[in-house]
N, C-alpha and C. Protein backbone atom coordinates (compact mmCIF):
# COMPACT_ATOMS: atom_id res chain seq x y z
N MET A 1 81.79 -252.52 71.44
CA MET A 1 81.78 -251.10 71.14
C MET A 1 80.34 -250.65 70.91
N ILE A 2 80.05 -249.48 71.38
CA ILE A 2 78.72 -248.89 71.20
C ILE A 2 78.92 -247.61 70.38
N ILE A 3 78.33 -247.59 69.20
CA ILE A 3 78.44 -246.43 68.33
C ILE A 3 77.06 -246.18 67.72
N ASP A 4 76.42 -245.11 68.18
CA ASP A 4 75.10 -244.74 67.66
C ASP A 4 75.08 -243.23 67.42
N PRO A 5 75.53 -242.80 66.23
CA PRO A 5 75.60 -241.37 65.96
C PRO A 5 74.23 -240.68 65.95
N ASP A 6 73.16 -241.38 65.61
CA ASP A 6 71.82 -240.78 65.60
C ASP A 6 71.40 -240.29 66.99
N ARG A 7 71.74 -241.07 68.02
CA ARG A 7 71.40 -240.70 69.39
C ARG A 7 72.58 -240.08 70.13
N GLN A 8 73.71 -239.99 69.48
CA GLN A 8 74.96 -239.50 70.06
C GLN A 8 75.33 -240.30 71.31
N VAL A 9 75.35 -241.61 71.16
CA VAL A 9 75.71 -242.52 72.25
C VAL A 9 76.89 -243.36 71.78
N TYR A 10 77.99 -243.25 72.53
CA TYR A 10 79.23 -243.95 72.20
C TYR A 10 79.79 -244.54 73.48
N GLY A 11 80.33 -245.74 73.42
CA GLY A 11 80.91 -246.32 74.62
C GLY A 11 81.37 -247.74 74.43
N ILE A 12 81.52 -248.41 75.56
CA ILE A 12 82.00 -249.80 75.57
C ILE A 12 81.23 -250.59 76.62
N LEU A 13 80.85 -251.80 76.26
CA LEU A 13 80.27 -252.77 77.19
C LEU A 13 81.33 -253.85 77.40
N TYR A 14 81.72 -254.04 78.65
CA TYR A 14 82.75 -255.03 78.99
C TYR A 14 82.11 -256.28 79.56
N ASP A 15 82.53 -257.44 79.08
CA ASP A 15 82.17 -258.72 79.69
C ASP A 15 83.45 -259.33 80.23
N LEU A 16 83.56 -259.40 81.54
CA LEU A 16 84.75 -259.96 82.18
C LEU A 16 84.46 -261.42 82.51
N LYS A 17 85.37 -262.29 82.16
CA LYS A 17 85.16 -263.73 82.32
C LYS A 17 85.84 -264.24 83.58
N GLY A 18 85.36 -265.37 84.06
CA GLY A 18 85.95 -266.00 85.23
C GLY A 18 85.27 -265.55 86.51
N ASN A 19 85.87 -265.89 87.63
CA ASN A 19 85.32 -265.55 88.95
C ASN A 19 85.77 -264.14 89.32
N THR A 20 85.11 -263.16 88.74
CA THR A 20 85.46 -261.76 88.97
C THR A 20 84.44 -261.11 89.91
N ALA A 21 84.85 -260.03 90.53
CA ALA A 21 83.94 -259.30 91.41
C ALA A 21 82.81 -258.66 90.61
N THR A 22 83.08 -258.29 89.38
CA THR A 22 82.07 -257.74 88.50
C THR A 22 82.25 -258.34 87.12
N SER A 23 81.18 -258.84 86.54
CA SER A 23 81.32 -259.50 85.25
C SER A 23 80.83 -258.63 84.10
N VAL A 24 80.08 -257.58 84.40
CA VAL A 24 79.56 -256.70 83.36
C VAL A 24 79.79 -255.25 83.78
N GLN A 25 80.43 -254.49 82.92
CA GLN A 25 80.64 -253.06 83.14
C GLN A 25 80.42 -252.34 81.82
N PHE A 26 80.04 -251.06 81.91
CA PHE A 26 79.87 -250.30 80.69
C PHE A 26 80.05 -248.82 80.97
N PHE A 27 80.30 -248.08 79.92
CA PHE A 27 80.19 -246.63 79.97
C PHE A 27 79.70 -246.15 78.62
N VAL A 28 78.96 -245.07 78.64
CA VAL A 28 78.51 -244.42 77.41
C VAL A 28 78.67 -242.91 77.59
N THR A 29 78.83 -242.21 76.49
CA THR A 29 79.01 -240.78 76.51
C THR A 29 78.49 -240.20 75.20
N ASP A 30 78.24 -238.90 75.20
CA ASP A 30 77.94 -238.22 73.94
C ASP A 30 79.21 -237.55 73.42
N SER A 31 80.29 -237.69 74.15
CA SER A 31 81.65 -237.20 73.87
C SER A 31 81.83 -235.71 74.10
N THR A 32 80.79 -235.03 74.60
CA THR A 32 80.95 -233.60 74.90
C THR A 32 80.42 -233.21 76.28
N LYS A 33 79.20 -233.61 76.64
CA LYS A 33 78.57 -233.16 77.89
C LYS A 33 78.20 -234.27 78.86
N HIS A 34 77.86 -235.43 78.36
CA HIS A 34 77.28 -236.49 79.19
C HIS A 34 78.19 -237.70 79.27
N PHE A 35 78.14 -238.35 80.46
CA PHE A 35 78.89 -239.58 80.70
C PHE A 35 78.08 -240.42 81.67
N PHE A 36 77.91 -241.70 81.35
CA PHE A 36 77.12 -242.61 82.19
C PHE A 36 77.89 -243.91 82.29
N ARG A 37 78.13 -244.37 83.53
CA ARG A 37 78.89 -245.59 83.77
C ARG A 37 78.10 -246.50 84.68
N GLY A 38 78.21 -247.80 84.44
CA GLY A 38 77.54 -248.76 85.29
C GLY A 38 78.32 -250.05 85.40
N SER A 39 78.07 -250.79 86.46
CA SER A 39 78.70 -252.10 86.65
C SER A 39 77.76 -252.97 87.48
N LEU A 40 77.92 -254.26 87.31
CA LEU A 40 77.09 -255.23 88.01
C LEU A 40 77.94 -255.96 89.04
N TYR A 41 77.55 -255.83 90.30
CA TYR A 41 78.23 -256.53 91.40
C TYR A 41 77.21 -257.39 92.13
N PHE A 42 77.68 -258.53 92.64
CA PHE A 42 76.84 -259.38 93.48
C PHE A 42 77.41 -259.37 94.89
N PHE A 43 76.53 -259.35 95.87
CA PHE A 43 76.95 -259.43 97.26
C PHE A 43 77.11 -260.90 97.62
N ALA A 44 78.09 -261.53 96.98
CA ALA A 44 78.35 -262.96 97.16
C ALA A 44 79.75 -263.26 96.66
N GLU A 45 80.30 -264.36 97.10
CA GLU A 45 81.60 -264.78 96.58
C GLU A 45 81.44 -265.12 95.11
N PRO A 46 82.34 -264.59 94.26
CA PRO A 46 82.18 -264.82 92.82
C PRO A 46 82.31 -266.29 92.45
N ASN A 47 81.34 -266.77 91.72
CA ASN A 47 81.37 -268.11 91.14
C ASN A 47 80.64 -267.99 89.80
N SER A 48 81.41 -267.82 88.74
CA SER A 48 80.82 -267.51 87.44
C SER A 48 79.83 -268.57 86.96
N ASP A 49 80.06 -269.82 87.26
CA ASP A 49 79.13 -270.88 86.84
C ASP A 49 77.76 -270.72 87.50
N SER A 50 77.75 -270.49 88.79
CA SER A 50 76.49 -270.36 89.52
C SER A 50 75.76 -269.07 89.19
N LEU A 51 76.52 -268.00 88.95
CA LEU A 51 75.92 -266.68 88.70
C LEU A 51 75.58 -266.44 87.23
N ALA A 52 75.97 -267.34 86.34
CA ALA A 52 75.79 -267.13 84.90
C ALA A 52 74.35 -266.79 84.50
N PRO A 53 73.33 -267.50 84.97
CA PRO A 53 71.97 -267.15 84.55
C PRO A 53 71.55 -265.74 84.99
N VAL A 54 71.91 -265.37 86.20
CA VAL A 54 71.55 -264.05 86.71
C VAL A 54 72.35 -262.97 85.99
N THR A 55 73.62 -263.23 85.76
CA THR A 55 74.46 -262.27 85.04
C THR A 55 73.90 -262.01 83.65
N GLU A 56 73.50 -263.06 82.95
CA GLU A 56 72.94 -262.90 81.60
C GLU A 56 71.63 -262.13 81.64
N PHE A 57 70.81 -262.38 82.63
CA PHE A 57 69.54 -261.66 82.79
C PHE A 57 69.80 -260.16 82.92
N PHE A 58 70.72 -259.79 83.82
CA PHE A 58 71.03 -258.39 84.03
C PHE A 58 71.77 -257.78 82.84
N ARG A 59 72.59 -258.57 82.18
CA ARG A 59 73.30 -258.08 81.00
C ARG A 59 72.30 -257.65 79.92
N GLU A 60 71.26 -258.43 79.72
CA GLU A 60 70.22 -258.07 78.75
C GLU A 60 69.53 -256.76 79.14
N ASP A 61 69.29 -256.56 80.44
CA ASP A 61 68.71 -255.29 80.90
C ASP A 61 69.65 -254.12 80.66
N ILE A 62 70.93 -254.33 80.90
CA ILE A 62 71.92 -253.28 80.67
C ILE A 62 71.96 -252.91 79.19
N ILE A 63 71.92 -253.90 78.32
CA ILE A 63 71.91 -253.63 76.88
C ILE A 63 70.66 -252.83 76.51
N HIS A 64 69.52 -253.18 77.10
CA HIS A 64 68.29 -252.44 76.84
C HIS A 64 68.43 -250.98 77.28
N ILE A 65 69.01 -250.76 78.44
CA ILE A 65 69.23 -249.39 78.92
C ILE A 65 70.08 -248.62 77.92
N ILE A 66 71.16 -249.22 77.47
CA ILE A 66 72.06 -248.55 76.53
C ILE A 66 71.35 -248.27 75.21
N GLU A 67 70.59 -249.24 74.72
CA GLU A 67 69.93 -249.09 73.41
C GLU A 67 68.80 -248.07 73.43
N THR A 68 68.26 -247.77 74.61
CA THR A 68 67.14 -246.83 74.70
C THR A 68 67.53 -245.51 75.35
N LEU A 69 68.79 -245.34 75.66
CA LEU A 69 69.27 -244.14 76.33
C LEU A 69 69.11 -242.91 75.45
N LYS A 70 68.57 -241.85 76.03
CA LYS A 70 68.47 -240.56 75.37
C LYS A 70 68.99 -239.49 76.31
N TRP A 71 69.88 -238.66 75.84
CA TRP A 71 70.41 -237.58 76.65
C TRP A 71 69.37 -236.47 76.75
N LYS A 72 69.27 -235.87 77.93
CA LYS A 72 68.31 -234.79 78.14
C LYS A 72 69.07 -233.51 78.45
N ASP A 73 68.85 -232.50 77.67
CA ASP A 73 69.44 -231.19 77.91
C ASP A 73 68.40 -230.29 78.56
N LYS A 74 68.85 -229.44 79.47
CA LYS A 74 67.93 -228.50 80.13
C LYS A 74 67.67 -227.31 79.24
């Protein structure tokens, strides 16, 4: 769960286990105007053991994006 009332960022980061087409997905919202969704896919047959190091690398980047996200109003 992602709950950051100071930045108005709320959402969920999903970690899917096993040989899935996507192992990391997320969405965040401010619950009124903004919504941002992302997922990690590999152009390869899923093999969670082989992809684990790369998945973890990208997962850390996704967490960084979420933790530094700021909504911009016009």
